């Protein structure tokens, strides 16, 4: 089950990377259309924002899984010490609590927008649930990844930054 969730997290990370790539492609398209052909598009701005929002929230669990968050370990350099494990546990716990609270309020906002049929005030007017869903989905995945990381921390120890991707693929986890 743990490895399956790790694979899912890696999939969402890859999807986020693709979305960021598409945003870059779309913005480049817009620049060419606007300044070379003097024919700006009506869709690039809104579609790029939606993709960027989703990509950001989908990438959060991936970033935690691969330990690419900012880490200051001046006090706890020895990754095998109990103090380091407790420090890591506290950090992950704080992220989990924040993620759960954000997912709950994000879900409430999404539900309200969905039931009311709210749309954006833009020309395309996509439904607001489209962007609101990214908050509770992304933070929900981050909270679940916190559970996986807490389990991993106490069964395998404190990983180095970026270590999970390599170790999980070799049967450990």
Protein backbone atom coordinates (compact mmCIF):
# COMPACT_ATOMS: atom_id res chain seq x y z
CA UNK A 1 0.00 0.00 0.00
CA UNK A 2 2.83 2.42 0.89
CA UNK A 3 4.66 1.82 -2.38
CA UNK A 4 1.43 2.24 -4.30
CA UNK A 5 0.88 5.65 -2.73
CA UNK A 6 4.52 6.58 -3.47
CA UNK A 7 3.94 5.70 -7.13
CA UNK A 8 0.76 7.78 -7.14
CA UNK A 9 2.65 10.71 -5.61
CA UNK A 10 5.33 10.36 -8.29
CA UNK A 11 2.57 10.35 -10.91
CA UNK A 12 1.08 13.58 -9.54
CA UNK A 13 4.57 15.10 -9.52
CA UNK A 14 5.02 14.17 -13.18
CA UNK A 15 1.59 15.57 -13.99
CA UNK A 16 2.53 18.82 -12.21
CA UNK A 17 5.76 19.01 -14.23
CA UNK A 18 3.79 18.53 -17.44
CA UNK A 19 1.37 21.28 -16.40
CA UNK A 20 4.24 23.69 -15.70
CA UNK A 21 5.71 22.84 -19.10
CA UNK A 22 2.35 23.53 -20.76
CA UNK A 23 2.10 26.87 -18.97
CA UNK A 24 5.49 27.83 -20.41
CA UNK A 25 4.39 26.68 -23.87
CA UNK A 26 1.10 28.58 -23.68
CA UNK A 27 2.74 31.80 -22.48
CA UNK A 28 5.32 31.54 -25.26
CA UNK A 29 2.46 31.06 -27.72
CA UNK A 30 0.73 34.15 -26.34
CA UNK A 31 3.87 36.28 -26.64
CA UNK A 32 4.35 35.24 -30.27
CA UNK A 33 0.70 35.76 -31.13
CA UNK A 34 0.51 39.12 -29.37
CA UNK A 35 3.79 40.72 -30.44
CA UNK A 36 4.60 39.03 -33.74
CA UNK A 37 1.15 38.55 -35.26
CA UNK A 38 -0.69 41.24 -33.24
CA UNK A 39 -3.43 38.69 -32.57
CA UNK A 40 -3.61 38.03 -28.81
CA UNK A 41 -5.51 35.01 -27.58
CA UNK A 42 -8.43 35.07 -25.15
CA UNK A 43 -7.70 31.77 -23.45
CA UNK A 44 -3.99 31.64 -22.55
CA UNK A 45 -4.10 33.74 -19.38
CA UNK A 46 -6.94 31.85 -17.71
CA UNK A 47 -5.93 28.37 -18.82
CA UNK A 48 -2.34 29.02 -17.71
CA UNK A 49 -3.50 30.21 -14.30
CA UNK A 50 -5.67 27.15 -13.80
CA UNK A 51 -2.85 24.81 -14.81
CA UNK A 52 -0.35 26.65 -12.62
CA UNK A 53 -2.63 26.46 -9.58
CA UNK A 54 -3.21 22.73 -10.07
CA UNK A 55 0.47 22.06 -10.73
CA UNK A 56 1.53 23.88 -7.57
CA UNK A 57 -0.84 21.98 -5.29
CA UNK A 58 -0.26 18.61 -6.98
CA UNK A 59 3.51 19.02 -6.62
CA UNK A 60 3.42 19.52 -2.83
CA UNK A 61 3.20 15.81 -1.89
CA UNK A 62 5.91 14.99 -4.46
CA UNK A 63 8.22 17.60 -2.98
CA UNK A 64 7.74 16.19 0.52
CA UNK A 65 8.21 12.60 -0.68
CA UNK A 66 11.55 13.44 -2.25
CA UNK A 67 12.59 15.66 0.69
CA UNK A 68 13.12 18.70 -1.49
CA UNK A 69 11.68 21.09 1.10
CA UNK A 70 13.94 23.60 2.80
CA UNK A 71 15.64 21.88 5.72
CA UNK A 72 17.80 23.57 8.33
CA UNK A 73 19.66 20.89 10.24
CA UNK A 74 22.23 22.94 12.13
CA UNK A 75 21.13 21.50 15.48
CA UNK A 76 20.39 17.97 14.29
CA UNK A 77 23.10 17.06 11.78
CA UNK A 78 23.32 13.41 12.87
CA UNK A 79 20.46 11.86 10.92
CA UNK A 80 20.57 8.70 13.04
CA UNK A 81 19.97 10.49 16.35
CA UNK A 82 16.71 10.32 18.25
CA UNK A 83 16.67 14.13 18.43
CA UNK A 84 16.72 14.33 14.62
CA UNK A 85 13.87 11.81 14.34
CA UNK A 86 11.80 13.74 16.87
CA UNK A 87 12.55 17.00 15.06
CA UNK A 88 11.54 15.48 11.70
CA UNK A 89 8.40 14.01 13.27
CA UNK A 90 7.41 17.39 14.66
CA UNK A 91 7.99 19.08 11.29
CA UNK A 92 5.97 16.50 9.39
CA UNK A 93 3.23 16.64 12.03
CA UNK A 94 2.95 20.43 11.64
CA UNK A 95 2.74 20.04 7.85
CA UNK A 96 0.06 17.36 8.28
CA UNK A 97 -2.08 19.48 10.61
CA UNK A 98 -1.79 22.51 8.33
CA UNK A 99 -2.64 20.32 5.33
CA UNK A 100 -5.69 18.78 6.97
CA UNK A 101 -7.07 22.16 8.05
CA UNK A 102 -6.42 23.62 4.59
CA UNK A 103 -7.98 20.59 2.87
CA UNK A 104 -11.08 20.86 5.06
CA UNK A 105 -11.61 24.57 4.40
CA UNK A 106 -10.66 24.11 0.76
CA UNK A 107 -13.27 21.38 0.44
CA UNK A 108 -15.90 23.62 2.04
CA UNK A 109 -15.06 26.43 -0.40
CA UNK A 110 -15.12 24.00 -3.34
CA UNK A 111 -18.48 22.57 -2.26
CA UNK A 112 -20.02 26.03 -1.87
CA UNK A 113 -18.78 27.15 -5.30
CA UNK A 114 -19.93 23.90 -6.90
CA UNK A 115 -23.42 23.96 -5.41
CA UNK A 116 -23.88 27.66 -6.20
CA UNK A 117 -22.57 27.30 -9.76
CA UNK A 118 -20.05 30.12 -9.36
CA UNK A 119 -17.86 31.01 -12.31
CA UNK A 120 -14.94 33.38 -12.69
CA UNK A 121 -15.54 36.92 -13.91
CA UNK A 122 -13.34 36.42 -16.95
CA UNK A 123 -14.23 36.12 -20.60
CA UNK A 124 -14.03 32.31 -20.53
CA UNK A 125 -15.94 32.09 -17.22
CA UNK A 126 -14.85 28.58 -16.16
CA UNK A 127 -16.52 27.23 -13.03
CA UNK A 128 -14.75 28.20 -9.81
CA UNK A 129 -14.84 24.63 -8.55
CA UNK A 130 -12.17 23.92 -11.15
CA UNK A 131 -9.58 25.93 -9.24
CA UNK A 132 -11.04 25.44 -5.76
CA UNK A 133 -10.75 21.65 -6.11
CA UNK A 134 -6.99 21.95 -6.46
CA UNK A 135 -6.68 23.19 -2.87
CA UNK A 136 -8.37 20.30 -1.10
CA UNK A 137 -7.03 17.67 -3.50
CA UNK A 138 -3.45 18.93 -3.24
CA UNK A 139 -3.45 19.41 0.52
CA UNK A 140 -5.30 16.12 1.00
CA UNK A 141 -2.53 14.35 -0.91
CA UNK A 142 0.08 16.23 1.12
CA UNK A 143 -1.57 15.10 4.38
CA UNK A 144 -1.55 11.49 3.19
CA UNK A 145 2.08 11.82 2.16
CA UNK A 146 2.83 13.05 5.69
CA UNK A 147 1.44 9.77 7.06
CA UNK A 148 3.64 7.81 4.65
CA UNK A 149 6.68 9.90 5.61
CA UNK A 150 6.07 9.46 9.35
CA UNK A 151 5.87 5.71 8.89
CA UNK A 152 9.00 5.74 6.74
CA UNK A 153 10.86 7.93 9.25
CA UNK A 154 10.33 5.50 12.11
CA UNK A 155 10.87 2.31 10.11
CA UNK A 156 13.72 3.33 7.78
CA UNK A 157 15.23 6.38 9.47
CA UNK A 158 15.80 9.94 8.32
CA UNK A 159 16.40 10.03 4.56
CA UNK A 160 18.75 12.39 2.79
CA UNK A 161 17.21 14.97 0.49
CA UNK A 162 15.94 13.29 -2.67
CA UNK A 163 16.63 9.79 -1.31
CA UNK A 164 13.12 8.32 -1.52
CA UNK A 165 12.87 8.10 -5.25
CA UNK A 166 15.93 5.91 -5.53
CA UNK A 167 15.36 3.73 -2.43
CA UNK A 168 11.68 3.05 -3.13
CA UNK A 169 12.43 1.78 -6.60
CA UNK A 170 14.83 -0.84 -5.21
CA UNK A 171 12.23 -2.61 -3.11
CA UNK A 172 12.71 -0.70 0.14
CA UNK A 173 9.72 1.05 1.66
